[in-house]
N, C-alpha and C. Protein backbone atom coordinates (compact mmCIF):
# COMPACT_ATOMS: atom_id res chain seq x y z
N MET A 1 10.41 5.19 2.42
CA MET A 1 10.20 5.64 1.06
C MET A 1 10.69 4.60 0.03
N PRO A 2 11.77 3.91 0.28
CA PRO A 2 12.23 2.93 -0.70
C PRO A 2 11.25 1.77 -0.91
N LEU A 3 10.31 1.58 0.00
CA LEU A 3 9.33 0.50 -0.13
C LEU A 3 8.17 0.87 -1.04
N VAL A 4 8.04 2.13 -1.38
CA VAL A 4 6.91 2.61 -2.18
C VAL A 4 7.26 2.50 -3.66
N VAL A 5 6.30 2.04 -4.45
CA VAL A 5 6.48 1.92 -5.90
C VAL A 5 6.96 3.26 -6.46
N PRO A 6 8.07 3.29 -7.19
CA PRO A 6 8.56 4.56 -7.75
C PRO A 6 7.47 5.28 -8.55
N GLY A 7 7.31 6.56 -8.27
CA GLY A 7 6.30 7.36 -8.97
C GLY A 7 4.88 7.08 -8.53
N GLY A 8 4.71 6.26 -7.48
CA GLY A 8 3.39 5.86 -7.03
C GLY A 8 2.60 6.98 -6.40
N ALA A 9 1.34 6.64 -6.09
CA ALA A 9 0.42 7.59 -5.48
C ALA A 9 0.54 7.51 -3.96
N VAL A 10 0.68 8.68 -3.32
CA VAL A 10 0.86 8.77 -1.88
C VAL A 10 -0.23 9.66 -1.29
N LEU A 11 -0.82 9.21 -0.20
CA LEU A 11 -1.78 10.02 0.55
C LEU A 11 -1.10 10.52 1.81
N ASP A 12 -0.96 11.84 1.93
CA ASP A 12 -0.46 12.45 3.16
C ASP A 12 -1.70 12.94 3.90
N TYR A 13 -2.10 12.16 4.90
CA TYR A 13 -3.38 12.31 5.60
C TYR A 13 -3.22 13.20 6.82
N ALA A 14 -4.07 14.21 6.94
CA ALA A 14 -3.94 15.22 8.00
C ALA A 14 -2.56 15.84 7.90
N CYS A 15 -2.26 16.34 6.72
CA CYS A 15 -0.90 16.73 6.32
C CYS A 15 -0.36 17.99 6.97
N GLY A 16 -1.24 18.82 7.53
CA GLY A 16 -0.76 20.08 8.10
C GLY A 16 -0.06 20.90 7.02
N GLY A 17 1.15 21.34 7.30
CA GLY A 17 1.92 22.14 6.34
C GLY A 17 2.54 21.34 5.21
N GLY A 18 2.39 20.02 5.22
CA GLY A 18 2.81 19.22 4.08
C GLY A 18 4.27 18.79 4.06
N ARG A 19 4.89 18.67 5.22
CA ARG A 19 6.30 18.26 5.27
C ARG A 19 6.53 16.94 4.51
N HIS A 20 5.68 15.95 4.75
CA HIS A 20 5.86 14.66 4.09
C HIS A 20 5.42 14.71 2.62
N ALA A 21 4.39 15.48 2.34
CA ALA A 21 3.94 15.64 0.95
C ALA A 21 5.07 16.22 0.11
N ARG A 22 5.75 17.22 0.62
CA ARG A 22 6.86 17.84 -0.10
C ARG A 22 8.01 16.84 -0.33
N LEU A 23 8.31 16.08 0.71
CA LEU A 23 9.38 15.10 0.62
C LEU A 23 9.10 14.06 -0.47
N PHE A 24 7.89 13.50 -0.46
CA PHE A 24 7.53 12.49 -1.47
C PHE A 24 7.46 13.10 -2.86
N ALA A 25 6.86 14.28 -2.99
CA ALA A 25 6.75 14.92 -4.31
C ALA A 25 8.14 15.22 -4.88
N ALA A 26 9.07 15.63 -4.05
CA ALA A 26 10.43 15.94 -4.52
C ALA A 26 11.13 14.70 -5.05
N GLN A 27 10.65 13.52 -4.64
CA GLN A 27 11.24 12.26 -5.11
C GLN A 27 10.45 11.66 -6.28
N GLY A 28 9.51 12.42 -6.83
CA GLY A 28 8.79 11.99 -8.02
C GLY A 28 7.49 11.24 -7.77
N PHE A 29 7.02 11.21 -6.53
CA PHE A 29 5.74 10.57 -6.24
C PHE A 29 4.60 11.54 -6.51
N ARG A 30 3.42 10.99 -6.81
CA ARG A 30 2.20 11.78 -6.98
C ARG A 30 1.50 11.80 -5.62
N VAL A 31 1.34 12.97 -5.06
CA VAL A 31 0.86 13.09 -3.68
C VAL A 31 -0.50 13.78 -3.61
N VAL A 32 -1.38 13.21 -2.81
CA VAL A 32 -2.62 13.87 -2.42
C VAL A 32 -2.42 14.26 -0.96
N ALA A 33 -2.43 15.56 -0.69
CA ALA A 33 -2.26 16.09 0.66
C ALA A 33 -3.62 16.57 1.14
N VAL A 34 -4.10 16.00 2.22
CA VAL A 34 -5.43 16.36 2.72
C VAL A 34 -5.34 16.84 4.15
N ASP A 35 -6.12 17.89 4.42
CA ASP A 35 -6.21 18.43 5.77
C ASP A 35 -7.47 19.29 5.81
N ARG A 36 -7.95 19.57 7.01
CA ARG A 36 -9.11 20.46 7.10
C ARG A 36 -8.71 21.92 7.19
N ASN A 37 -7.42 22.19 7.35
CA ASN A 37 -6.90 23.54 7.49
C ASN A 37 -6.52 24.10 6.12
N ALA A 38 -7.41 24.92 5.57
CA ALA A 38 -7.20 25.48 4.23
C ALA A 38 -5.95 26.36 4.17
N GLU A 39 -5.65 27.07 5.25
CA GLU A 39 -4.46 27.92 5.27
C GLU A 39 -3.19 27.09 5.17
N ALA A 40 -3.14 25.97 5.87
CA ALA A 40 -1.97 25.09 5.79
C ALA A 40 -1.83 24.53 4.38
N LEU A 41 -2.95 24.13 3.79
CA LEU A 41 -2.92 23.58 2.44
C LEU A 41 -2.47 24.62 1.42
N ALA A 42 -2.79 25.88 1.66
CA ALA A 42 -2.42 26.95 0.73
C ALA A 42 -0.90 27.04 0.56
N THR A 43 -0.15 26.63 1.57
CA THR A 43 1.32 26.67 1.47
C THR A 43 1.84 25.65 0.47
N LEU A 44 0.98 24.71 0.07
CA LEU A 44 1.37 23.69 -0.90
C LEU A 44 0.94 24.03 -2.33
N ALA A 45 0.22 25.12 -2.49
CA ALA A 45 -0.27 25.52 -3.82
C ALA A 45 0.90 25.68 -4.78
N GLY A 46 0.78 25.05 -5.91
CA GLY A 46 1.79 25.18 -6.94
C GLY A 46 2.99 24.27 -6.79
N VAL A 47 3.05 23.47 -5.74
CA VAL A 47 4.18 22.54 -5.59
C VAL A 47 3.96 21.39 -6.56
N PRO A 48 4.90 21.18 -7.49
CA PRO A 48 4.73 20.11 -8.47
C PRO A 48 4.56 18.74 -7.81
N GLY A 49 3.60 17.98 -8.32
CA GLY A 49 3.37 16.63 -7.84
C GLY A 49 2.43 16.53 -6.66
N ILE A 50 1.92 17.67 -6.17
CA ILE A 50 1.02 17.66 -5.02
C ILE A 50 -0.35 18.19 -5.39
N GLU A 51 -1.36 17.38 -5.13
CA GLU A 51 -2.76 17.79 -5.23
C GLU A 51 -3.26 17.98 -3.81
N THR A 52 -3.88 19.12 -3.52
CA THR A 52 -4.40 19.35 -2.18
C THR A 52 -5.90 19.16 -2.15
N ARG A 53 -6.38 18.67 -0.99
CA ARG A 53 -7.81 18.53 -0.77
C ARG A 53 -8.12 19.02 0.63
N CYS A 54 -9.03 19.94 0.72
CA CYS A 54 -9.49 20.43 2.02
C CYS A 54 -10.73 19.61 2.38
N ALA A 55 -10.64 18.88 3.48
CA ALA A 55 -11.75 18.02 3.88
C ALA A 55 -11.76 17.84 5.40
N ASP A 56 -12.95 17.73 5.95
CA ASP A 56 -13.10 17.39 7.36
C ASP A 56 -12.90 15.89 7.45
N LEU A 57 -11.86 15.47 8.14
CA LEU A 57 -11.49 14.06 8.20
C LEU A 57 -12.25 13.30 9.28
N GLU A 58 -13.10 14.00 10.01
CA GLU A 58 -13.81 13.35 11.12
C GLU A 58 -15.33 13.34 10.96
N GLU A 59 -15.86 14.16 10.10
CA GLU A 59 -17.31 14.25 9.92
C GLU A 59 -17.66 14.05 8.44
N GLY A 60 -18.88 13.66 8.20
CA GLY A 60 -19.37 13.54 6.83
C GLY A 60 -18.88 12.30 6.12
N ALA A 61 -19.09 12.30 4.82
CA ALA A 61 -18.72 11.15 4.00
C ALA A 61 -17.20 10.99 3.94
N TRP A 62 -16.76 9.75 3.83
CA TRP A 62 -15.33 9.46 3.70
C TRP A 62 -14.84 9.99 2.36
N PRO A 63 -13.86 10.89 2.34
CA PRO A 63 -13.45 11.54 1.09
C PRO A 63 -12.64 10.66 0.14
N PHE A 64 -12.26 9.45 0.57
CA PHE A 64 -11.43 8.60 -0.29
C PHE A 64 -12.06 7.24 -0.56
N ALA A 65 -13.38 7.18 -0.52
CA ALA A 65 -14.09 5.92 -0.76
C ALA A 65 -13.68 5.33 -2.10
N GLY A 66 -13.24 4.09 -2.08
CA GLY A 66 -12.86 3.39 -3.30
C GLY A 66 -11.49 3.73 -3.85
N GLN A 67 -10.78 4.67 -3.24
CA GLN A 67 -9.45 5.06 -3.73
C GLN A 67 -8.38 4.24 -3.02
N ARG A 68 -7.30 3.93 -3.75
CA ARG A 68 -6.18 3.19 -3.20
C ARG A 68 -4.90 3.96 -3.49
N PHE A 69 -3.97 3.89 -2.55
CA PHE A 69 -2.70 4.59 -2.66
C PHE A 69 -1.55 3.61 -2.43
N ASP A 70 -0.43 3.88 -3.08
CA ASP A 70 0.76 3.05 -2.90
C ASP A 70 1.41 3.29 -1.55
N ALA A 71 1.12 4.42 -0.95
CA ALA A 71 1.56 4.71 0.42
C ALA A 71 0.57 5.65 1.08
N VAL A 72 0.35 5.43 2.36
CA VAL A 72 -0.45 6.33 3.18
C VAL A 72 0.44 6.73 4.35
N VAL A 73 0.58 8.05 4.53
CA VAL A 73 1.44 8.59 5.58
C VAL A 73 0.57 9.41 6.54
N VAL A 74 0.71 9.10 7.83
CA VAL A 74 -0.03 9.83 8.86
C VAL A 74 0.93 10.11 10.01
N THR A 75 1.02 11.37 10.42
CA THR A 75 1.83 11.70 11.60
C THR A 75 1.07 12.68 12.49
N ASN A 76 1.22 12.46 13.78
CA ASN A 76 0.66 13.35 14.79
C ASN A 76 -0.84 13.56 14.66
N TYR A 77 -1.56 12.48 14.31
CA TYR A 77 -3.00 12.57 14.15
C TYR A 77 -3.61 11.22 14.51
N LEU A 78 -4.72 11.28 15.24
CA LEU A 78 -5.45 10.05 15.58
C LEU A 78 -6.93 10.36 15.69
N PHE A 79 -7.71 9.65 14.89
CA PHE A 79 -9.16 9.68 14.99
C PHE A 79 -9.61 8.25 14.72
N ARG A 80 -9.76 7.49 15.79
CA ARG A 80 -10.01 6.05 15.69
C ARG A 80 -11.20 5.66 14.81
N PRO A 81 -12.32 6.40 14.82
CA PRO A 81 -13.45 5.97 14.00
C PRO A 81 -13.15 5.90 12.50
N ARG A 82 -12.13 6.57 12.01
CA ARG A 82 -11.80 6.55 10.58
C ARG A 82 -10.62 5.64 10.27
N LEU A 83 -10.04 5.00 11.27
CA LEU A 83 -8.84 4.21 11.03
C LEU A 83 -9.08 3.06 10.05
N GLY A 84 -10.22 2.40 10.14
CA GLY A 84 -10.54 1.32 9.20
C GLY A 84 -10.61 1.83 7.77
N ASP A 85 -11.26 2.98 7.57
CA ASP A 85 -11.34 3.58 6.23
C ASP A 85 -9.95 3.93 5.71
N LEU A 86 -9.13 4.46 6.59
CA LEU A 86 -7.77 4.84 6.21
C LEU A 86 -6.96 3.63 5.79
N LEU A 87 -7.04 2.55 6.55
CA LEU A 87 -6.30 1.33 6.21
C LEU A 87 -6.76 0.76 4.87
N ALA A 88 -8.05 0.90 4.58
CA ALA A 88 -8.59 0.39 3.31
C ALA A 88 -8.02 1.15 2.11
N CYS A 89 -7.47 2.34 2.33
CA CYS A 89 -6.88 3.12 1.25
C CYS A 89 -5.50 2.61 0.81
N VAL A 90 -4.89 1.76 1.62
CA VAL A 90 -3.57 1.24 1.27
C VAL A 90 -3.77 0.12 0.24
N ALA A 91 -3.21 0.31 -0.93
CA ALA A 91 -3.35 -0.67 -2.01
C ALA A 91 -2.61 -1.96 -1.66
N PRO A 92 -3.02 -3.09 -2.23
CA PRO A 92 -2.24 -4.31 -2.05
C PRO A 92 -0.79 -4.07 -2.48
N GLY A 93 0.14 -4.44 -1.63
CA GLY A 93 1.55 -4.16 -1.89
C GLY A 93 1.97 -2.77 -1.46
N GLY A 94 1.00 -1.95 -1.04
CA GLY A 94 1.28 -0.58 -0.61
C GLY A 94 1.79 -0.52 0.82
N VAL A 95 2.20 0.67 1.22
CA VAL A 95 2.86 0.86 2.51
C VAL A 95 2.08 1.84 3.37
N LEU A 96 1.96 1.52 4.65
CA LEU A 96 1.40 2.42 5.65
C LEU A 96 2.55 2.90 6.53
N ILE A 97 2.66 4.21 6.67
CA ILE A 97 3.63 4.81 7.58
C ILE A 97 2.82 5.66 8.55
N TYR A 98 2.81 5.27 9.81
CA TYR A 98 1.95 5.94 10.79
C TYR A 98 2.74 6.20 12.06
N GLU A 99 2.72 7.44 12.52
CA GLU A 99 3.34 7.81 13.79
C GLU A 99 2.46 8.81 14.49
N THR A 100 2.15 8.52 15.75
CA THR A 100 1.42 9.49 16.56
C THR A 100 1.69 9.25 18.03
N PHE A 101 1.08 10.04 18.86
CA PHE A 101 1.34 10.01 20.29
C PHE A 101 0.63 8.84 20.96
N MET A 102 1.20 8.41 22.09
CA MET A 102 0.59 7.32 22.84
C MET A 102 0.53 7.68 24.32
N LEU A 103 -0.17 6.83 25.07
CA LEU A 103 -0.30 7.03 26.50
C LEU A 103 1.07 7.24 27.12
N GLY A 104 1.15 8.17 28.03
CA GLY A 104 2.42 8.56 28.64
C GLY A 104 2.85 9.93 28.15
N ASN A 105 2.32 10.32 26.98
CA ASN A 105 2.68 11.63 26.43
C ASN A 105 2.16 12.78 27.30
N GLU A 106 1.13 12.52 28.08
CA GLU A 106 0.55 13.58 28.90
C GLU A 106 1.59 14.21 29.84
N ARG A 107 2.62 13.48 30.19
CA ARG A 107 3.64 14.07 31.07
C ARG A 107 4.53 15.08 30.35
N PHE A 108 4.47 15.08 29.02
CA PHE A 108 5.27 16.02 28.23
C PHE A 108 4.44 17.17 27.67
N GLY A 109 3.12 17.09 27.80
CA GLY A 109 2.26 18.15 27.27
C GLY A 109 1.16 17.58 26.41
N ARG A 110 0.83 18.31 25.35
CA ARG A 110 -0.28 17.93 24.47
C ARG A 110 0.19 17.05 23.33
N PRO A 111 -0.67 16.16 22.85
CA PRO A 111 -1.98 15.85 23.40
C PRO A 111 -1.86 15.06 24.71
N SER A 112 -2.88 15.24 25.54
CA SER A 112 -2.85 14.57 26.83
C SER A 112 -4.13 13.77 27.10
N SER A 113 -5.14 13.95 26.29
CA SER A 113 -6.39 13.22 26.45
C SER A 113 -6.24 11.80 25.88
N PRO A 114 -6.69 10.78 26.62
CA PRO A 114 -6.62 9.40 26.10
C PRO A 114 -7.31 9.23 24.74
N GLU A 115 -8.25 10.12 24.44
CA GLU A 115 -8.94 10.06 23.14
C GLU A 115 -7.96 10.23 21.98
N PHE A 116 -6.85 10.94 22.23
CA PHE A 116 -5.88 11.24 21.19
C PHE A 116 -4.54 10.54 21.40
N LEU A 117 -4.53 9.56 22.30
CA LEU A 117 -3.30 8.83 22.60
C LEU A 117 -3.51 7.33 22.39
N LEU A 118 -2.63 6.73 21.63
CA LEU A 118 -2.70 5.29 21.39
C LEU A 118 -2.40 4.52 22.67
N ARG A 119 -2.99 3.36 22.80
CA ARG A 119 -2.64 2.43 23.87
C ARG A 119 -1.39 1.66 23.43
N PRO A 120 -0.62 1.11 24.36
CA PRO A 120 0.55 0.33 23.97
C PRO A 120 0.18 -0.76 22.96
N GLY A 121 0.93 -0.82 21.87
CA GLY A 121 0.71 -1.83 20.83
C GLY A 121 -0.53 -1.64 19.99
N GLU A 122 -1.25 -0.53 20.15
CA GLU A 122 -2.53 -0.37 19.45
C GLU A 122 -2.40 -0.34 17.93
N LEU A 123 -1.37 0.29 17.41
CA LEU A 123 -1.23 0.31 15.94
C LEU A 123 -1.07 -1.11 15.40
N LEU A 124 -0.31 -1.93 16.08
CA LEU A 124 -0.14 -3.32 15.63
C LEU A 124 -1.48 -4.06 15.64
N GLU A 125 -2.25 -3.86 16.69
CA GLU A 125 -3.57 -4.49 16.78
C GLU A 125 -4.48 -4.02 15.66
N ARG A 126 -4.47 -2.74 15.39
CA ARG A 126 -5.39 -2.16 14.43
C ARG A 126 -5.09 -2.57 12.98
N ILE A 127 -3.82 -2.69 12.63
CA ILE A 127 -3.52 -3.00 11.23
C ILE A 127 -3.86 -4.44 10.89
N GLY A 128 -3.81 -5.33 11.83
CA GLY A 128 -4.28 -6.69 11.63
C GLY A 128 -3.45 -7.54 10.69
N ALA A 129 -4.04 -8.66 10.33
CA ALA A 129 -3.35 -9.69 9.56
C ALA A 129 -3.14 -9.34 8.09
N GLY A 130 -3.79 -8.30 7.60
CA GLY A 130 -3.64 -7.95 6.20
C GLY A 130 -2.35 -7.23 5.87
N PHE A 131 -1.55 -6.95 6.89
CA PHE A 131 -0.30 -6.21 6.71
C PHE A 131 0.88 -7.00 7.25
N SER A 132 2.03 -6.80 6.65
CA SER A 132 3.28 -7.32 7.18
C SER A 132 4.04 -6.14 7.78
N VAL A 133 4.39 -6.26 9.05
CA VAL A 133 5.07 -5.17 9.74
C VAL A 133 6.54 -5.14 9.32
N VAL A 134 6.97 -4.01 8.84
CA VAL A 134 8.36 -3.79 8.46
C VAL A 134 9.14 -3.27 9.67
N ALA A 135 8.54 -2.34 10.41
CA ALA A 135 9.16 -1.79 11.61
C ALA A 135 8.08 -1.29 12.55
N PHE A 136 8.35 -1.41 13.84
CA PHE A 136 7.44 -0.91 14.86
C PHE A 136 8.27 -0.41 16.04
N GLU A 137 7.90 0.77 16.53
CA GLU A 137 8.57 1.34 17.70
C GLU A 137 7.52 2.01 18.57
N GLN A 138 7.76 1.99 19.86
CA GLN A 138 6.94 2.78 20.77
C GLN A 138 7.79 3.15 21.97
N GLY A 139 7.58 4.38 22.45
CA GLY A 139 8.31 4.84 23.62
C GLY A 139 8.63 6.32 23.54
N VAL A 140 9.55 6.73 24.38
CA VAL A 140 9.91 8.14 24.50
C VAL A 140 10.91 8.52 23.41
N VAL A 141 10.67 9.68 22.80
CA VAL A 141 11.62 10.26 21.85
C VAL A 141 12.02 11.64 22.37
N ALA A 142 13.19 12.09 21.98
CA ALA A 142 13.67 13.41 22.41
C ALA A 142 13.47 14.47 21.36
N ARG A 143 13.39 14.08 20.06
CA ARG A 143 13.28 15.04 18.97
C ARG A 143 12.05 14.73 18.14
N PRO A 144 11.40 15.72 17.59
CA PRO A 144 11.76 17.12 17.63
C PRO A 144 11.52 17.76 18.99
N ARG A 145 10.70 17.10 19.82
CA ARG A 145 10.53 17.51 21.22
C ARG A 145 10.24 16.23 22.01
N ALA A 146 10.44 16.27 23.30
CA ALA A 146 10.17 15.10 24.12
C ALA A 146 8.70 14.71 23.99
N ALA A 147 8.46 13.42 23.73
CA ALA A 147 7.11 12.91 23.55
C ALA A 147 7.14 11.39 23.69
N VAL A 148 5.96 10.81 23.85
CA VAL A 148 5.81 9.37 23.83
C VAL A 148 5.03 9.03 22.57
N VAL A 149 5.64 8.25 21.69
CA VAL A 149 5.04 7.99 20.39
C VAL A 149 4.99 6.49 20.09
N GLN A 150 4.22 6.20 19.07
CA GLN A 150 4.15 4.86 18.50
C GLN A 150 4.29 5.03 17.00
N ARG A 151 5.10 4.16 16.39
CA ARG A 151 5.36 4.24 14.94
C ARG A 151 5.24 2.85 14.33
N VAL A 152 4.68 2.83 13.14
CA VAL A 152 4.67 1.57 12.40
C VAL A 152 4.89 1.85 10.92
N CYS A 153 5.62 0.98 10.30
CA CYS A 153 5.72 0.93 8.84
C CYS A 153 5.31 -0.49 8.49
N ALA A 154 4.27 -0.60 7.68
CA ALA A 154 3.73 -1.92 7.34
C ALA A 154 3.31 -1.95 5.89
N ALA A 155 3.47 -3.11 5.26
CA ALA A 155 3.09 -3.29 3.86
C ALA A 155 1.83 -4.15 3.80
N ARG A 156 0.85 -3.70 3.02
CA ARG A 156 -0.36 -4.51 2.82
C ARG A 156 0.02 -5.71 1.97
N ARG A 157 -0.38 -6.84 2.44
CA ARG A 157 -0.08 -8.07 1.70
C ARG A 157 -0.85 -8.06 0.38
N PRO A 158 -0.19 -8.52 -0.70
CA PRO A 158 -0.91 -8.64 -1.97
C PRO A 158 -2.08 -9.60 -1.82
N ALA A 159 -3.10 -9.43 -2.62
CA ALA A 159 -4.31 -10.24 -2.53
C ALA A 159 -4.03 -11.72 -2.71
N ASP A 160 -2.97 -12.06 -3.44
CA ASP A 160 -2.69 -13.46 -3.71
C ASP A 160 -1.65 -14.06 -2.76
N SER A 161 -1.29 -13.35 -1.68
CA SER A 161 -0.30 -13.89 -0.75
C SER A 161 -0.93 -14.97 0.11
N VAL A 162 -0.12 -15.86 0.58
CA VAL A 162 -0.55 -16.97 1.40
C VAL A 162 0.17 -16.88 2.74
N GLU A 163 -0.58 -16.98 3.81
CA GLU A 163 0.04 -16.96 5.13
C GLU A 163 0.28 -18.39 5.59
N LEU A 164 1.49 -18.69 5.98
CA LEU A 164 1.86 -20.01 6.46
C LEU A 164 2.23 -19.93 7.93
N ARG A 165 1.85 -20.93 8.71
CA ARG A 165 2.25 -20.99 10.11
C ARG A 165 3.19 -22.18 10.28
N VAL A 166 4.41 -21.86 10.70
CA VAL A 166 5.42 -22.89 10.90
C VAL A 166 5.93 -22.76 12.32
N GLN A 167 5.67 -23.75 13.16
CA GLN A 167 6.13 -23.76 14.55
C GLN A 167 5.83 -22.44 15.25
N GLY A 168 4.60 -21.95 15.09
CA GLY A 168 4.19 -20.74 15.79
C GLY A 168 4.61 -19.44 15.14
N GLU A 169 5.41 -19.47 14.11
CA GLU A 169 5.84 -18.25 13.42
C GLU A 169 4.99 -18.07 12.17
N VAL A 170 4.85 -16.82 11.75
CA VAL A 170 4.07 -16.52 10.56
C VAL A 170 5.01 -16.11 9.44
N ALA A 171 4.86 -16.72 8.28
CA ALA A 171 5.63 -16.35 7.11
C ALA A 171 4.67 -16.10 5.97
N THR A 172 5.03 -15.26 5.04
CA THR A 172 4.18 -14.96 3.89
C THR A 172 4.91 -15.33 2.62
N GLU A 173 4.21 -16.02 1.74
CA GLU A 173 4.79 -16.34 0.42
C GLU A 173 4.25 -15.40 -0.60
């Protein structure tokens, strides 16, 4: 959260009951909380700083075409065909916070289908060179329940940043 522009626009994607939307809104951010579950979104009605949108995130037109957010937050959700669209929503200088299940989670329960489980290192591969990774983790967690997850926090490089290669390392100016 400290990496996000104060008062900035945040997209809580596949927000469910809005745990992250509430957290960001309570800190003064402007939040768009989107999910296909209208009942879950109804629990956010009237919460200051939160705009809700009921949308099918897997079918039809992309609901955020041309929109940019200072932060995009996604947890416990994976639909690979929309990942490129989702990454495009992160504004230059904006932050992506993404956590979901990965291969190996099937031993702990659902999700267990490879369709809904990241491959090792997949988030890093998917975000590509346009982002600077702030933190990345993958492996077994015990809370809130035992699971195998992958997490990334990454900042989209500003349009005017320059990538330098020095002795095999990458630095950004």
